[in-house]
Protein backbone atom coordinates (compact mmCIF):
# COMPACT_ATOMS: atom_id res chain seq x y z
CA MET A 1 -35.37 -71.97 34.96
CA LYS A 2 -33.06 -72.55 32.18
CA LYS A 3 -35.00 -70.43 29.82
CA LEU A 4 -34.84 -67.54 32.34
CA ILE A 5 -31.19 -67.87 32.59
CA LEU A 6 -30.69 -68.04 28.75
CA ALA A 7 -32.90 -65.06 28.14
CA SER A 8 -30.97 -62.97 30.77
CA ILE A 9 -27.67 -63.95 29.10
CA SER A 10 -29.06 -63.12 25.79
CA ALA A 11 -30.37 -59.73 26.85
CA LEU A 12 -26.97 -58.78 28.45
CA ALA A 13 -25.25 -59.87 25.38
CA LEU A 14 -27.46 -57.62 23.22
CA LEU A 15 -26.82 -54.69 25.53
CA GLY A 16 -23.12 -55.28 25.30
CA VAL A 17 -23.09 -55.34 21.65
CA ALA A 18 -25.37 -52.21 21.43
CA ALA A 19 -23.11 -50.35 23.67
CA CYS A 20 -19.88 -51.29 21.99
CA SER A 21 -21.17 -50.81 18.27
CA ASP A 22 -19.86 -48.13 16.15
CA SER A 23 -22.93 -46.72 14.44
CA GLY A 24 -21.09 -43.70 12.88
CA THR A 25 -23.99 -41.29 13.66
CA ASP A 26 -22.19 -39.87 16.43
CA LYS A 27 -20.43 -36.77 15.23
CA THR A 28 -19.46 -35.05 18.55
CA THR A 29 -15.76 -34.22 19.20
CA THR A 30 -14.12 -33.14 22.46
CA GLN A 31 -11.55 -30.34 22.83
CA SER A 32 -8.69 -30.56 25.10
CA THR A 33 -7.95 -27.75 27.43
CA ASN A 34 -4.30 -26.48 28.08
CA PRO A 35 -3.33 -24.49 31.11
CA PRO A 36 -2.10 -21.08 30.54
CA ALA A 37 1.78 -20.92 30.36
CA ASN A 38 2.32 -18.24 32.76
CA ASP A 39 0.22 -19.90 35.66
CA THR A 40 2.91 -22.26 36.88
CA MET A 41 2.84 -23.86 40.32
CA LYS A 42 5.73 -23.91 42.58
CA PRO A 43 6.82 -27.04 44.53
CA ALA A 44 6.22 -26.86 48.24
CA SER A 45 9.45 -26.81 50.17
CA PRO A 46 9.82 -26.67 53.94
CA ASP A 47 11.77 -23.93 55.70
CA ALA A 48 15.42 -24.93 55.69
CA SER A 49 16.60 -22.23 58.15
CA LYS A 50 15.20 -24.07 61.28
CA PRO A 51 15.11 -27.76 61.98
CA ALA A 52 11.82 -29.36 62.73
CA GLU A 53 10.93 -29.92 66.45
CA PRO A 54 9.25 -33.00 67.89
CA ALA A 55 5.74 -32.77 69.13
CA PRO A 56 5.37 -32.48 72.91
CA ALA A 57 4.41 -35.57 74.70
CA THR A 58 0.73 -35.45 75.79
CA ASN A 59 0.74 -38.53 78.06
CA PRO A 60 4.08 -39.22 79.44
CA ALA A 61 5.10 -42.63 80.54
CA PRO A 62 4.58 -43.35 84.27
CA ALA A 63 7.43 -43.29 86.54
CA ALA A 64 8.66 -46.25 88.53
CA PRO A 65 5.75 -48.19 90.11
CA ALA A 66 4.97 -47.36 93.70
CA GLN A 67 6.13 -49.82 96.37
């Protein structure tokens, strides 16, 4: 059982070293993209001319209990 655990840990360590190594053979580069300057977005603003109205009550509270 100890050998199996040791082999698993060793395999994970080997994969970690292989993934993080800098071999220098990868010559690919990425290019950043910039949005066009004339395509600006305007912030959303609510209509200030009229105040917001509350939503209508769908289930009003019952009146006084019947006696």
